[in-house]
Amino acid sequence: MMLNMEFEEFRRHNLRWFDPWFFKDELEILDLEPNSAKAVKVAKDLDLLGYRFGLNHKIVERIRSRLLNIYQYERRVPRVLDLCGGYGGFARYLMWWSKQAAIPLNLTVLDISSSIIEAALQASEQDNIQWQVGDATALDYEDREFDLALNIQSLHHFDPDSSVKLLREANRVATSLFVFDVRRTPFGFIFVQLLRPFFCRELIHDGQISYRRAYTKKEIIFLIEKAGINATVKHFLPIGLSIESGI
C-alpha cells in the first residue's frame, strides 16, 4: 500500500494537461466479474481485435529473434509463459507462427479467470498449449523456468503495487520479458468509439475505461524501477507501449 501512495504522489507531479479531466481509476468487467459470461465475451473480442488490427503479428515480430536464437543456437525448445493470457488468441497465433517457422514451442498460458481458461481450452484442443489458472503476482514456478514471459494488454488492470509484483515475478521466472499494454491517451478512447459497430458492448465498455486508467510511459518507467528490472520502455503502435528485457 505504501507503494500505491508513493505512486499517486508521483502521478500528481507528472500529470499532463488533459489528465485532470481524462484520467479515471475505474474497474472493468474483467476486474469486477472475471468468471462471468460478460468477461468471457470481452476476452473473446479482445482476441478478435488483436487479430484484425495486426497486434499479434507485431508482437511476434518483436520476440521472434529471441525464440529463433534459443532453438537454432541453443538447440532446445523455447519455453514461453503467457501471463494473463485470457481467451488465448495471442497464444494460438504464436503456436500457428511456430508451426509456419518450424520452431516448436513449450507454451503455458495462465489467467486468474477459470471461466475464461475453460473457454480458451475448448477453443484450443488441438494447439498443444498448457492452460493454467493462477495469480500472475504470485507465480508457482521455479526461477528461470521459462525463456520468455509475456503479458499482453493487461498491466493496466493492476494497481501500482500489484503491477510491480507481476513484473518482478515475470522477471524471476523467465530470462526475457515482453509486456505490451495500452497507454493513457485520448486517441485510444476515440479509437474505441469507432469500434462500436464491430464488437460487443462489453468490450467497448471496458475499452473506454482501459484508456482512461492506463499507465503513461513515465509511470511505467517508475514501476519497473521499483520492480528492480533492467528493461526498456518504448512506444509500441500509436496507442500502446512495450516493456522489453532480454529481447
Protein backbone atom coordinates (compact mmCIF):
# COMPACT_ATOMS: atom_id res chain seq x y z
CA MET A 1 0.00 0.00 0.00
CA MET A 2 2.92 2.32 0.67
CA LEU A 3 3.98 1.93 -2.96
CA ASN A 4 0.48 2.87 -4.13
CA MET A 5 0.69 6.07 -2.10
CA GLU A 6 4.16 6.85 -3.43
CA PHE A 7 2.94 6.24 -6.97
CA GLU A 8 -0.05 8.54 -6.53
CA GLU A 9 2.30 11.30 -5.42
CA PHE A 10 4.47 10.66 -8.48
CA ARG A 11 1.42 10.73 -10.73
CA ARG A 12 0.20 14.06 -9.32
CA HIS A 13 3.53 15.66 -10.12
CA ASN A 14 3.59 14.29 -13.67
CA LEU A 15 0.08 14.94 -14.93
CA ARG A 16 -0.27 16.12 -18.50
CA TRP A 17 -2.63 18.93 -19.46
CA PHE A 18 -5.55 16.62 -20.26
CA ASP A 19 -5.10 14.16 -17.37
CA PRO A 20 -7.17 16.03 -14.74
CA TRP A 21 -10.34 15.53 -16.77
CA PHE A 22 -9.36 12.38 -18.68
CA PHE A 23 -7.82 10.06 -16.09
CA LYS A 24 -10.29 7.87 -14.23
CA ASP A 25 -9.44 4.92 -12.00
CA GLU A 26 -12.45 2.68 -12.55
CA LEU A 27 -12.72 -1.11 -12.55
CA GLU A 28 -13.72 -3.01 -15.68
CA ILE A 29 -15.93 -6.05 -16.20
CA LEU A 30 -12.78 -8.17 -16.34
CA ASP A 31 -11.90 -6.89 -12.85
CA LEU A 32 -15.34 -7.00 -11.25
CA GLU A 33 -16.72 -10.20 -12.80
CA PRO A 34 -13.70 -12.22 -14.05
CA ASN A 35 -15.61 -15.51 -14.16
CA SER A 36 -18.81 -14.15 -15.71
CA ALA A 37 -20.21 -14.71 -19.20
CA LYS A 38 -19.66 -10.98 -19.83
CA ALA A 39 -15.95 -11.34 -19.06
CA VAL A 40 -15.67 -14.25 -21.49
CA LYS A 41 -17.29 -12.08 -24.20
CA VAL A 42 -14.77 -9.31 -23.53
CA ALA A 43 -11.85 -11.76 -23.67
CA LYS A 44 -13.06 -13.24 -26.96
CA ASP A 45 -13.49 -9.84 -28.59
CA LEU A 46 -10.09 -8.70 -27.32
CA ASP A 47 -8.58 -11.63 -29.18
CA LEU A 48 -10.52 -10.74 -32.30
CA LEU A 49 -9.32 -7.15 -32.01
CA GLY A 50 -5.69 -8.25 -31.73
CA TYR A 51 -6.05 -10.40 -34.81
CA ARG A 52 -7.92 -7.90 -37.01
CA PHE A 53 -5.57 -4.99 -36.27
CA GLY A 54 -2.34 -6.93 -36.58
CA LEU A 55 -1.28 -6.66 -32.93
CA ASN A 56 -0.44 -10.36 -32.70
CA HIS A 57 1.78 -10.12 -35.77
CA LYS A 58 3.58 -7.03 -34.45
CA ILE A 59 4.33 -8.69 -31.11
CA VAL A 60 5.63 -11.87 -32.73
CA GLU A 61 7.92 -9.72 -34.88
CA ARG A 62 9.44 -8.31 -31.68
CA ILE A 63 10.00 -11.66 -29.95
CA ARG A 64 10.78 -13.95 -32.89
CA SER A 65 14.56 -13.39 -32.84
CA ARG A 66 14.70 -14.45 -29.18
CA LEU A 67 12.82 -17.66 -29.95
CA LEU A 68 14.92 -18.34 -33.06
CA ASN A 69 18.16 -17.93 -31.14
CA ILE A 70 17.09 -20.40 -28.47
CA TYR A 71 16.06 -23.02 -31.00
CA GLN A 72 18.80 -22.59 -33.58
CA TYR A 73 21.81 -21.72 -31.43
CA GLU A 74 21.00 -23.13 -28.00
CA ARG A 75 19.41 -26.15 -29.72
CA ARG A 76 16.41 -26.59 -27.45
CA VAL A 77 12.69 -25.91 -27.47
CA PRO A 78 11.87 -22.37 -26.22
CA ARG A 79 9.76 -22.26 -23.05
CA VAL A 80 7.21 -19.42 -23.11
CA LEU A 81 4.82 -18.22 -20.39
CA ASP A 82 1.84 -16.03 -21.35
CA LEU A 83 0.64 -14.27 -18.20
CA CYS A 84 -2.98 -13.09 -18.06
CA GLY A 85 -3.41 -14.85 -21.39
CA GLY A 86 -7.21 -14.57 -21.38
CA TYR A 87 -9.04 -16.42 -24.13
CA GLY A 88 -5.71 -17.37 -25.69
CA GLY A 89 -5.91 -15.60 -29.03
CA PHE A 90 -2.29 -14.48 -28.92
CA ALA A 91 -1.16 -17.90 -27.71
CA ARG A 92 -2.92 -19.63 -30.60
CA TYR A 93 -1.41 -17.14 -33.06
CA LEU A 94 2.04 -17.76 -31.59
CA MET A 95 1.58 -21.53 -31.98
CA TRP A 96 0.44 -21.01 -35.58
CA TRP A 97 3.55 -18.93 -36.25
CA SER A 98 5.78 -21.55 -34.63
CA LYS A 99 4.43 -24.20 -36.99
CA GLN A 100 4.98 -21.96 -40.02
CA ALA A 101 8.54 -21.22 -38.85
CA ALA A 102 9.17 -24.87 -37.92
CA ILE A 103 10.14 -23.87 -34.39
CA PRO A 104 8.45 -25.99 -31.69
CA LEU A 105 7.38 -24.18 -28.54
CA ASN A 106 6.61 -25.19 -24.98
CA LEU A 107 3.81 -22.69 -24.27
CA THR A 108 1.98 -22.16 -20.98
CA VAL A 109 -0.95 -19.74 -20.63
CA LEU A 110 -2.00 -18.55 -17.18
CA ASP A 111 -5.05 -16.47 -16.24
CA ILE A 112 -6.89 -15.67 -13.00
CA SER A 113 -10.31 -16.49 -14.50
CA SER A 114 -11.22 -20.18 -14.51
CA SER A 115 -14.19 -19.47 -16.81
CA ILE A 116 -12.03 -17.76 -19.44
CA ILE A 117 -9.41 -20.53 -19.24
CA GLU A 118 -12.13 -23.16 -19.66
CA ALA A 119 -13.46 -21.36 -22.75
CA ALA A 120 -9.93 -20.99 -24.13
CA LEU A 121 -9.23 -24.68 -23.60
CA GLN A 122 -12.36 -25.64 -25.53
CA ALA A 123 -11.26 -23.40 -28.41
CA SER A 124 -7.71 -24.75 -28.42
CA GLU A 125 -7.97 -28.52 -28.13
CA GLN A 126 -5.51 -29.14 -30.96
CA ASP A 127 -2.99 -26.41 -30.15
CA ASN A 128 -0.82 -28.26 -27.59
CA ILE A 129 -0.93 -25.37 -25.13
CA GLN A 130 -0.78 -25.84 -21.36
CA TRP A 131 -3.59 -23.88 -19.68
CA GLN A 132 -3.42 -22.93 -16.00
CA VAL A 133 -5.49 -20.87 -13.59
CA GLY A 134 -3.33 -18.73 -11.32
CA ASP A 135 -2.30 -15.37 -9.93
CA ALA A 136 0.28 -13.54 -12.06
CA THR A 137 1.55 -11.67 -8.99
CA ALA A 138 2.44 -14.89 -7.11
CA LEU A 139 3.66 -17.48 -9.59
CA ASP A 140 4.18 -21.10 -8.63
CA TYR A 141 7.17 -21.60 -10.94
CA GLU A 142 10.88 -22.01 -10.35
CA ASP A 143 13.37 -19.23 -11.01
CA ARG A 144 14.24 -19.06 -14.74
CA GLU A 145 11.83 -21.87 -15.57
CA PHE A 146 10.94 -20.07 -18.81
CA ASP A 147 12.91 -18.39 -21.57
CA LEU A 148 10.29 -15.70 -22.19
CA ALA A 149 7.43 -14.28 -20.14
CA LEU A 150 4.70 -12.34 -21.93
CA ASN A 151 1.98 -10.06 -20.64
CA ILE A 152 -0.35 -8.66 -23.28
CA GLN A 153 -2.90 -5.88 -22.71
CA SER A 154 -3.44 -6.45 -19.01
CA LEU A 155 -0.99 -4.44 -16.90
CA HIS A 156 -3.48 -1.57 -16.56
CA HIS A 157 -5.78 -3.94 -14.65
CA PHE A 158 -3.26 -4.00 -11.79
CA ASP A 159 -2.70 -1.23 -9.27
CA PRO A 160 0.90 0.01 -8.90
CA ASP A 161 1.77 -2.38 -6.06
CA SER A 162 0.35 -5.39 -7.93
CA SER A 163 1.98 -4.26 -11.19
CA VAL A 164 5.37 -4.25 -9.53
CA LYS A 165 4.72 -7.73 -8.11
CA LEU A 166 3.72 -9.01 -11.55
CA LEU A 167 6.81 -7.55 -13.19
CA ARG A 168 9.09 -8.97 -10.50
CA GLU A 169 7.53 -12.41 -10.77
CA ALA A 170 7.72 -12.41 -14.58
CA ASN A 171 11.36 -11.32 -14.39
CA ARG A 172 12.07 -14.03 -11.79
CA VAL A 173 10.63 -16.98 -13.70
CA ALA A 174 11.92 -16.02 -17.17
CA THR A 175 15.20 -14.87 -18.68
CA SER A 176 13.43 -12.47 -21.06
CA LEU A 177 10.35 -10.32 -20.71
CA PHE A 178 7.94 -8.67 -23.14
CA VAL A 179 4.94 -6.66 -21.95
CA PHE A 180 2.53 -4.82 -24.21
CA ASP A 181 -0.20 -2.57 -22.89
CA VAL A 182 -2.30 0.39 -23.92
CA ARG A 183 -1.15 3.77 -22.67
CA ARG A 184 -3.29 6.60 -21.35
CA THR A 185 -4.26 8.77 -24.28
CA PRO A 186 -7.49 10.36 -25.58
CA PHE A 187 -6.67 8.92 -29.01
CA GLY A 188 -7.17 5.41 -27.66
CA PHE A 189 -10.50 6.43 -26.16
CA ILE A 190 -11.62 7.82 -29.53
CA PHE A 191 -10.39 4.66 -31.28
CA VAL A 192 -12.65 2.54 -29.05
CA GLN A 193 -15.69 4.63 -30.04
CA LEU A 194 -15.05 3.78 -33.69
CA LEU A 195 -15.22 0.08 -32.86
CA ARG A 196 -18.82 0.17 -31.60
CA PRO A 197 -20.42 -1.32 -34.75
CA PHE A 198 -18.00 -4.25 -34.83
CA PHE A 199 -17.53 -5.51 -31.27
CA CYS A 200 -19.69 -6.36 -28.26
CA ARG A 201 -20.82 -3.55 -25.96
CA GLU A 202 -18.94 -5.17 -23.06
CA LEU A 203 -15.65 -4.71 -24.92
CA ILE A 204 -16.50 -1.08 -25.70
CA HIS A 205 -17.33 -0.51 -22.02
CA ASP A 206 -14.03 -1.99 -20.83
CA GLY A 207 -12.02 -0.41 -23.64
CA GLN A 208 -13.14 3.10 -22.74
CA ILE A 209 -12.09 2.54 -19.15
CA SER A 210 -8.79 0.96 -20.19
CA TYR A 211 -7.53 4.04 -21.97
CA ARG A 212 -8.54 6.32 -19.10
CA ARG A 213 -6.89 4.26 -16.35
CA ALA A 214 -3.82 3.01 -18.28
CA TYR A 215 -0.30 3.99 -17.30
CA THR A 216 1.79 6.56 -19.14
CA LYS A 217 5.35 5.89 -20.27
CA LYS A 218 6.74 7.86 -17.30
CA GLU A 219 4.56 5.90 -14.91
CA ILE A 220 5.68 2.57 -16.39
CA ILE A 221 9.32 3.60 -16.02
CA PHE A 222 8.59 4.41 -12.37
CA LEU A 223 7.10 0.93 -11.90
CA ILE A 224 9.95 -1.02 -13.50
CA GLU A 225 12.46 0.94 -11.42
CA LYS A 226 10.53 -0.03 -8.29
CA ALA A 227 10.48 -3.63 -9.53
CA GLY A 228 14.26 -3.54 -9.93
CA ILE A 229 14.12 -4.71 -13.53
CA ASN A 230 16.63 -3.79 -16.21
CA ALA A 231 14.21 -3.13 -19.06
CA THR A 232 13.45 -0.59 -21.73
CA VAL A 233 10.08 1.11 -22.24
CA LYS A 234 9.07 2.09 -25.77
CA HIS A 235 6.04 3.42 -27.58
CA PHE A 236 4.61 0.40 -29.37
CA LEU A 237 1.99 1.14 -32.03
CA PRO A 238 0.27 4.55 -31.91
CA ILE A 239 -1.64 3.95 -28.67
CA GLY A 240 0.44 1.40 -26.79
CA LEU A 241 3.80 0.79 -25.18
CA SER A 242 6.13 -2.11 -24.51
CA ILE A 243 8.42 -3.21 -21.71
CA GLU A 244 11.28 -5.31 -23.06
CA SER A 245 14.07 -7.13 -21.26
CA GLY A 246 16.48 -9.59 -22.85
CA ILE A 247 14.71 -9.38 -26.22
